[in-house]
Amino acid sequence: MRYVLIALTVALLVAPAYAQRGSAPSQGQQSDPTEQQQAAEKKKRAKEQEEAYRASLKKIPDKKAPDDPWKNIR
């Protein structure tokens, strides 16, 4: 019974690592040209979004310093 529990525990610990292996191409394999195009388009969209984000940050006016009514008294 103890060996069954140990085997079950090991199987449960190994299963998530096995699931993460995925089917990504190895170093020697070429990926599909459509996948390369999609990756390039995704990268281009991400760059455009980043530029738009930075441009929108530049449009935000600077925040004024809070007015301190006691500044002259201190």
PDB file of N, CA and C in Angstrom:
ATOM      1  N   MET A   1       0.817  -1.185   0.000  1.00  0.00           N
ATOM      2  CA  MET A   1       0.000   0.000   0.000  1.00  0.00           C
ATOM      3  C   MET A   1       0.866   1.255   0.000  1.00  0.00           C
ATOM      4  N   ARG A   2       1.943   1.203   0.757  1.00  0.00           N
ATOM      5  CA  ARG A   2       2.840   2.340   0.839  1.00  0.00           C
ATOM      6  C   ARG A   2       3.470   2.650  -0.515  1.00  0.00           C
ATOM      7  N   TYR A   3       3.834   1.609  -1.273  1.00  0.00           N
ATOM      8  CA  TYR A   3       4.461   1.788  -2.582  1.00  0.00           C
ATOM      9  C   TYR A   3       3.475   2.392  -3.587  1.00  0.00           C
ATOM     10  N   VAL A   4       2.235   2.031  -3.458  1.00  0.00           N
ATOM     11  CA  VAL A   4       1.202   2.583  -4.340  1.00  0.00           C
ATOM     12  C   VAL A   4       1.045   4.082  -4.083  1.00  0.00           C
ATOM     13  N   LEU A   5       1.028   4.484  -2.825  1.00  0.00           N
ATOM     14  CA  LEU A   5       0.920   5.901  -2.491  1.00  0.00           C
ATOM     15  C   LEU A   5       2.141   6.688  -2.963  1.00  0.00           C
ATOM     16  N   ILE A   6       3.322   6.082  -2.831  1.00  0.00           N
ATOM     17  CA  ILE A   6       4.540   6.746  -3.298  1.00  0.00           C
ATOM     18  C   ILE A   6       4.496   6.907  -4.812  1.00  0.00           C
ATOM     19  N   ALA A   7       4.107   5.863  -5.527  1.00  0.00           N
ATOM     20  CA  ALA A   7       4.017   5.928  -6.984  1.00  0.00           C
ATOM     21  C   ALA A   7       2.977   6.958  -7.424  1.00  0.00           C
ATOM     22  N   LEU A   8       1.866   7.014  -6.749  1.00  0.00           N
ATOM     23  CA  LEU A   8       0.820   7.981  -7.069  1.00  0.00           C
ATOM     24  C   LEU A   8       1.308   9.410  -6.811  1.00  0.00           C
ATOM     25  N   THR A   9       2.020   9.614  -5.729  1.00  0.00           N
ATOM     26  CA  THR A   9       2.559  10.938  -5.411  1.00  0.00           C
ATOM     27  C   THR A   9       3.569  11.382  -6.460  1.00  0.00           C
ATOM     28  N   VAL A  10       4.449  10.495  -6.851  1.00  0.00           N
ATOM     29  CA  VAL A  10       5.442  10.822  -7.877  1.00  0.00           C
ATOM     30  C   VAL A  10       4.745  11.145  -9.196  1.00  0.00           C
ATOM     31  N   ALA A  11       3.739  10.373  -9.562  1.00  0.00           N
ATOM     32  CA  ALA A  11       3.008  10.613 -10.807  1.00  0.00           C
ATOM     33  C   ALA A  11       2.312  11.975 -10.777  1.00  0.00           C
ATOM     34  N   LEU A  12       1.758  12.340  -9.639  1.00  0.00           N
ATOM     35  CA  LEU A  12       1.083  13.638  -9.526  1.00  0.00           C
ATOM     36  C   LEU A  12       2.069  14.800  -9.579  1.00  0.00           C
ATOM     37  N   LEU A  13       3.277  14.588  -9.093  1.00  0.00           N
ATOM     38  CA  LEU A  13       4.282  15.643  -9.141  1.00  0.00           C
ATOM     39  C   LEU A  13       4.904  15.785 -10.524  1.00  0.00           C
ATOM     40  N   VAL A  14       4.976  14.715 -11.272  1.00  0.00           N
ATOM     41  CA  VAL A  14       5.599  14.734 -12.592  1.00  0.00           C
ATOM     42  C   VAL A  14       4.626  15.225 -13.662  1.00  0.00           C
ATOM     43  N   ALA A  15       3.344  15.028 -13.479  1.00  0.00           N
ATOM     44  CA  ALA A  15       2.350  15.372 -14.498  1.00  0.00           C
ATOM     45  C   ALA A  15       2.392  16.842 -14.912  1.00  0.00           C
ATOM     46  N   PRO A  16       2.459  17.823 -14.012  1.00  0.00           N
ATOM     47  CA  PRO A  16       2.504  19.223 -14.460  1.00  0.00           C
ATOM     48  C   PRO A  16       3.756  19.549 -15.272  1.00  0.00           C
ATOM     49  N   ALA A  17       4.880  18.981 -14.894  1.00  0.00           N
ATOM     50  CA  ALA A  17       6.104  19.227 -15.636  1.00  0.00           C
ATOM     51  C   ALA A  17       6.016  18.615 -17.033  1.00  0.00           C
ATOM     52  N   TYR A  18       5.410  17.470 -17.148  1.00  0.00           N
ATOM     53  CA  TYR A  18       5.255  16.832 -18.449  1.00  0.00           C
ATOM     54  C   TYR A  18       4.305  17.641 -19.329  1.00  0.00           C
ATOM     55  N   ALA A  19       3.289  18.238 -18.743  1.00  0.00           N
ATOM     56  CA  ALA A  19       2.316  19.012 -19.508  1.00  0.00           C
ATOM     57  C   ALA A  19       2.918  20.304 -20.045  1.00  0.00           C
ATOM     58  N   GLN A  20       3.954  20.819 -19.427  1.00  0.00           N
ATOM     59  CA  GLN A  20       4.563  22.073 -19.856  1.00  0.00           C
ATOM     60  C   GLN A  20       5.530  21.895 -21.015  1.00  0.00           C
ATOM     61  N   ARG A  21       5.791  20.695 -21.414  1.00  0.00           N
ATOM     62  CA  ARG A  21       6.752  20.455 -22.484  1.00  0.00           C
ATOM     63  C   ARG A  21       6.315  21.106 -23.783  1.00  0.00           C
ATOM     64  N   GLY A  22       5.046  21.067 -24.126  1.00  0.00           N
ATOM     65  CA  GLY A  22       4.534  21.721 -25.323  1.00  0.00           C
ATOM     66  C   GLY A  22       5.068  21.100 -26.601  1.00  0.00           C
ATOM     67  N   SER A  23       4.688  21.692 -27.707  1.00  0.00           N
ATOM     68  CA  SER A  23       5.127  21.180 -29.003  1.00  0.00           C
ATOM     69  C   SER A  23       5.881  22.258 -29.768  1.00  0.00           C
ATOM     70  N   ALA A  24       6.668  23.056 -29.079  1.00  0.00           N
ATOM     71  CA  ALA A  24       7.453  24.098 -29.727  1.00  0.00           C
ATOM     72  C   ALA A  24       8.555  23.452 -30.562  1.00  0.00           C
ATOM     73  N   PRO A  25       8.921  24.073 -31.675  1.00  0.00           N
ATOM     74  CA  PRO A  25       9.963  23.497 -32.509  1.00  0.00           C
ATOM     75  C   PRO A  25      11.308  23.486 -31.781  1.00  0.00           C
ATOM     76  N   SER A  26      12.069  22.462 -32.001  1.00  0.00           N
ATOM     77  CA  SER A  26      13.388  22.360 -31.391  1.00  0.00           C
ATOM     78  C   SER A  26      14.349  23.300 -32.093  1.00  0.00           C
ATOM     79  N   GLN A  27      15.578  23.310 -31.655  1.00  0.00           N
ATOM     80  CA  GLN A  27      16.561  24.215 -32.239  1.00  0.00           C
ATOM     81  C   GLN A  27      16.807  23.905 -33.709  1.00  0.00           C
ATOM     82  N   GLY A  28      16.810  22.678 -34.094  1.00  0.00           N
ATOM     83  CA  GLY A  28      17.112  22.290 -35.459  1.00  0.00           C
ATOM     84  C   GLY A  28      15.919  22.345 -36.391  1.00  0.00           C
ATOM     85  N   GLN A  29      14.709  22.419 -35.863  1.00  0.00           N
ATOM     86  CA  GLN A  29      13.521  22.389 -36.693  1.00  0.00           C
ATOM     87  C   GLN A  29      13.104  23.797 -37.099  1.00  0.00           C
ATOM     88  N   GLN A  30      12.539  23.906 -38.319  1.00  0.00           N
ATOM     89  CA  GLN A  30      12.008  25.171 -38.803  1.00  0.00           C
ATOM     90  C   GLN A  30      10.541  25.259 -38.423  1.00  0.00           C
ATOM     91  N   SER A  31      10.087  26.437 -38.042  1.00  0.00           N
ATOM     92  CA  SER A  31       8.672  26.603 -37.732  1.00  0.00           C
ATOM     93  C   SER A  31       7.930  26.971 -39.014  1.00  0.00           C
ATOM     94  N   ASP A  32       6.629  26.872 -38.963  1.00  0.00           N
ATOM     95  CA  ASP A  32       5.767  27.138 -40.098  1.00  0.00           C
ATOM     96  C   ASP A  32       5.868  28.618 -40.491  1.00  0.00           C
ATOM     97  N   PRO A  33       5.924  28.946 -41.798  1.00  0.00           N
ATOM     98  CA  PRO A  33       6.022  30.349 -42.224  1.00  0.00           C
ATOM     99  C   PRO A  33       4.845  31.203 -41.745  1.00  0.00           C
ATOM    100  N   THR A  34       3.655  30.607 -41.667  1.00  0.00           N
ATOM    101  CA  THR A  34       2.516  31.390 -41.189  1.00  0.00           C
ATOM    102  C   THR A  34       2.691  31.733 -39.715  1.00  0.00           C
ATOM    103  N   GLU A  35       3.292  30.843 -38.963  1.00  0.00           N
ATOM    104  CA  GLU A  35       3.559  31.120 -37.554  1.00  0.00           C
ATOM    105  C   GLU A  35       4.568  32.252 -37.426  1.00  0.00           C
ATOM    106  N   GLN A  36       5.558  32.270 -38.329  1.00  0.00           N
ATOM    107  CA  GLN A  36       6.555  33.336 -38.300  1.00  0.00           C
ATOM    108  C   GLN A  36       5.903  34.676 -38.627  1.00  0.00           C
ATOM    109  N   GLN A  37       4.992  34.678 -39.597  1.00  0.00           N
ATOM    110  CA  GLN A  37       4.295  35.906 -39.953  1.00  0.00           C
ATOM    111  C   GLN A  37       3.430  36.391 -38.783  1.00  0.00           C
ATOM    112  N   GLN A  38       2.744  35.461 -38.156  1.00  0.00           N
ATOM    113  CA  GLN A  38       1.891  35.830 -37.025  1.00  0.00           C
ATOM    114  C   GLN A  38       2.722  36.388 -35.880  1.00  0.00           C
ATOM    115  N   ALA A  39       3.875  35.783 -35.654  1.00  0.00           N
ATOM    116  CA  ALA A  39       4.755  36.268 -34.589  1.00  0.00           C
ATOM    117  C   ALA A  39       5.268  37.662 -34.919  1.00  0.00           C
ATOM    118  N   ALA A  40       5.608  37.906 -36.197  1.00  0.00           N
ATOM    119  CA  ALA A  40       6.088  39.222 -36.600  1.00  0.00           C
ATOM    120  C   ALA A  40       4.981  40.265 -36.475  1.00  0.00           C
ATOM    121  N   GLU A  41       3.763  39.905 -36.862  1.00  0.00           N
ATOM    122  CA  GLU A  41       2.636  40.831 -36.741  1.00  0.00           C
ATOM    123  C   GLU A  41       2.331  41.138 -35.278  1.00  0.00           C
ATOM    124  N   LYS A  42       2.413  40.116 -34.444  1.00  0.00           N
ATOM    125  CA  LYS A  42       2.158  40.300 -33.017  1.00  0.00           C
ATOM    126  C   LYS A  42       3.207  41.237 -32.417  1.00  0.00           C
ATOM    127  N   LYS A  43       4.460  41.064 -32.829  1.00  0.00           N
ATOM    128  CA  LYS A  43       5.531  41.908 -32.338  1.00  0.00           C
ATOM    129  C   LYS A  43       5.328  43.353 -32.803  1.00  0.00           C
ATOM    130  N   LYS A  44       4.884  43.513 -34.051  1.00  0.00           N
ATOM    131  CA  LYS A  44       4.640  44.838 -34.605  1.00  0.00           C
ATOM    132  C   LYS A  44       3.492  45.528 -33.857  1.00  0.00           C
ATOM    133  N   ARG A  45       2.404  44.775 -33.594  1.00  0.00           N
ATOM    134  CA  ARG A  45       1.276  45.337 -32.855  1.00  0.00           C
ATOM    135  C   ARG A  45       1.683  45.740 -31.447  1.00  0.00           C
ATOM    136  N   ALA A  46       2.521  44.923 -30.808  1.00  0.00           N
ATOM    137  CA  ALA A  46       2.974  45.235 -29.451  1.00  0.00           C
ATOM    138  C   ALA A  46       3.806  46.519 -29.451  1.00  0.00           C
ATOM    139  N   LYS A  47       4.631  46.681 -30.487  1.00  0.00           N
ATOM    140  CA  LYS A  47       5.449  47.883 -30.583  1.00  0.00           C
ATOM    141  C   LYS A  47       4.564  49.108 -30.801  1.00  0.00           C
ATOM    142  N   GLU A  48       3.557  48.988 -31.653  1.00  0.00           N
ATOM    143  CA  GLU A  48       2.634  50.090 -31.902  1.00  0.00           C
ATOM    144  C   GLU A  48       1.860  50.453 -30.634  1.00  0.00           C
ATOM    145  N   GLN A  49       1.439  49.450 -29.894  1.00  0.00           N
ATOM    146  CA  GLN A  49       0.717  49.705 -28.646  1.00  0.00           C
ATOM    147  C   GLN A  49       1.610  50.406 -27.636  1.00  0.00           C
ATOM    148  N   GLU A  50       2.859  50.003 -27.572  1.00  0.00           N
ATOM    149  CA  GLU A  50       3.802  50.629 -26.648  1.00  0.00           C
ATOM    150  C   GLU A  50       4.020  52.095 -27.017  1.00  0.00           C
ATOM    151  N   GLU A  51       4.151  52.375 -28.326  1.00  0.00           N
ATOM    152  CA  GLU A  51       4.329  53.752 -28.771  1.00  0.00           C
ATOM    153  C   GLU A  51       3.086  54.584 -28.461  1.00  0.00           C
ATOM    154  N   ALA A  52       1.899  54.026 -28.674  1.00  0.00           N
ATOM    155  CA  ALA A  52       0.658  54.735 -28.379  1.00  0.00           C
ATOM    156  C   ALA A  52       0.546  55.000 -26.880  1.00  0.00           C
ATOM    157  N   TYR A  53       0.951  54.055 -26.071  1.00  0.00           N
ATOM    158  CA  TYR A  53       0.919  54.225 -24.616  1.00  0.00           C
ATOM    159  C   TYR A  53       1.842  55.357 -24.191  1.00  0.00           C
ATOM    160  N   ARG A  54       3.046  55.368 -24.735  1.00  0.00           N
ATOM    161  CA  ARG A  54       3.998  56.430 -24.379  1.00  0.00           C
ATOM    162  C   ARG A  54       3.498  57.798 -24.851  1.00  0.00           C
ATOM    163  N   ALA A  55       2.874  57.847 -26.034  1.00  0.00           N
ATOM    164  CA  ALA A  55       2.329  59.110 -26.528  1.00  0.00           C
ATOM    165  C   ALA A  55       1.191  59.594 -25.630  1.00  0.00           C
ATOM    166  N   SER A  56       0.368  58.677 -25.155  1.00  0.00           N
ATOM    167  CA  SER A  56      -0.731  59.079 -24.276  1.00  0.00           C
ATOM    168  C   SER A  56      -0.210  59.561 -22.929  1.00  0.00           C
ATOM    169  N   LEU A  57       0.897  59.015 -22.461  1.00  0.00           N
ATOM    170  CA  LEU A  57       1.479  59.482 -21.204  1.00  0.00           C
ATOM    171  C   LEU A  57       1.999  60.905 -21.335  1.00  0.00           C
ATOM    172  N   LYS A  58       2.500  61.251 -22.527  1.00  0.00           N
ATOM    173  CA  LYS A  58       3.012  62.604 -22.734  1.00  0.00           C
ATOM    174  C   LYS A  58       1.880  63.633 -22.760  1.00  0.00           C
ATOM    175  N   LYS A  59       0.670  63.211 -23.060  1.00  0.00           N
ATOM    176  CA  LYS A  59      -0.467  64.125 -23.142  1.00  0.00           C
ATOM    177  C   LYS A  59      -1.035  64.477 -21.763  1.00  0.00           C
ATOM    178  N   ILE A  60      -0.694  63.713 -20.750  1.00  0.00           N
ATOM    179  CA  ILE A  60      -1.206  63.962 -19.395  1.00  0.00           C
ATOM    180  C   ILE A  60      -0.498  65.186 -18.834  1.00  0.00           C
ATOM    181  N   PRO A  61      -1.254  66.191 -18.374  1.00  0.00           N
ATOM    182  CA  PRO A  61      -0.603  67.399 -17.829  1.00  0.00           C
ATOM    183  C   PRO A  61       0.108  67.089 -16.514  1.00  0.00           C
ATOM    184  N   ASP A  62       1.119  67.907 -16.238  1.00  0.00           N
ATOM    185  CA  ASP A  62       1.856  67.738 -14.985  1.00  0.00           C
ATOM    186  C   ASP A  62       0.959  68.091 -13.817  1.00  0.00           C
ATOM    187  N   LYS A  63       1.147  67.381 -12.728  1.00  0.00           N
ATOM    188  CA  LYS A  63       0.341  67.603 -11.532  1.00  0.00           C
ATOM    189  C   LYS A  63       0.931  68.779 -10.750  1.00  0.00           C
ATOM    190  N   LYS A  64       0.057  69.701 -10.359  1.00  0.00           N
ATOM    191  CA  LYS A  64       0.523  70.840  -9.567  1.00  0.00           C
ATOM    192  C   LYS A  64       0.824  70.373  -8.143  1.00  0.00           C
ATOM    193  N   ALA A  65       1.755  71.061  -7.534  1.00  0.00           N
ATOM    194  CA  ALA A  65       2.094  70.754  -6.146  1.00  0.00           C
ATOM    195  C   ALA A  65       0.901  71.138  -5.270  1.00  0.00           C
ATOM    196  N   PRO A  66       0.620  70.380  -4.243  1.00  0.00           N
ATOM    197  CA  PRO A  66      -0.510  70.720  -3.379  1.00  0.00           C
ATOM    198  C   PRO A  66      -0.264  72.064  -2.671  1.00  0.00           C
ATOM    199  N   ASP A  67      -1.299  72.825  -2.569  1.00  0.00           N
ATOM    200  CA  ASP A  67      -1.193  74.131  -1.921  1.00  0.00           C
ATOM    201  C   ASP A  67      -1.210  73.936  -0.409  1.00  0.00           C
ATOM    202  N   ASP A  68      -0.159  74.431   0.242  1.00  0.00           N
ATOM    203  CA  ASP A  68      -0.031  74.292   1.693  1.00  0.00           C
ATOM    204  C   ASP A  68      -0.388  75.633   2.350  1.00  0.00           C
ATOM    205  N   PRO A  69      -1.524  75.708   3.028  1.00  0.00           N
ATOM    206  CA  PRO A  69      -1.926  76.993   3.626  1.00  0.00           C
ATOM    207  C   PRO A  69      -1.023  77.423   4.783  1.00  0.00           C
ATOM    208  N   TRP A  70      -0.269  76.529   5.367  1.00  0.00           N
ATOM    209  CA  TRP A  70       0.557  76.869   6.528  1.00  0.00           C
ATOM    210  C   TRP A  70       2.025  77.130   6.152  1.00  0.00           C
ATOM    211  N   LYS A  71       2.349  77.206   4.872  1.00  0.00           N
ATOM    212  CA  LYS A  71       3.750  77.287   4.479  1.00  0.00           C
ATOM    213  C   LYS A  71       4.432  78.571   4.950  1.00  0.00           C
ATOM    214  N   ASN A  72       3.685  79.673   5.024  1.00  0.00           N
ATOM    215  CA  ASN A  72       4.287  80.947   5.450  1.00  0.00           C
ATOM    216  C   ASN A  72       4.382  81.072   6.968  1.00  0.00           C
ATOM    217  N   ILE A  73       3.637  80.280   7.677  1.00  0.00           N
ATOM    218  CA  ILE A  73       3.603  80.376   9.133  1.00  0.00           C
ATOM    219  C   ILE A  73       4.695  79.545   9.783  1.00  0.00           C
ATOM    220  N   ARG A  74       5.113  78.516   9.169  1.00  0.00           N
ATOM    221  CA  ARG A  74       6.108  77.622   9.776  1.00  0.00           C
ATOM    222  C   ARG A  74       7.461  78.221   9.855  1.00  0.00           C
TER     223      ARG A  74
END
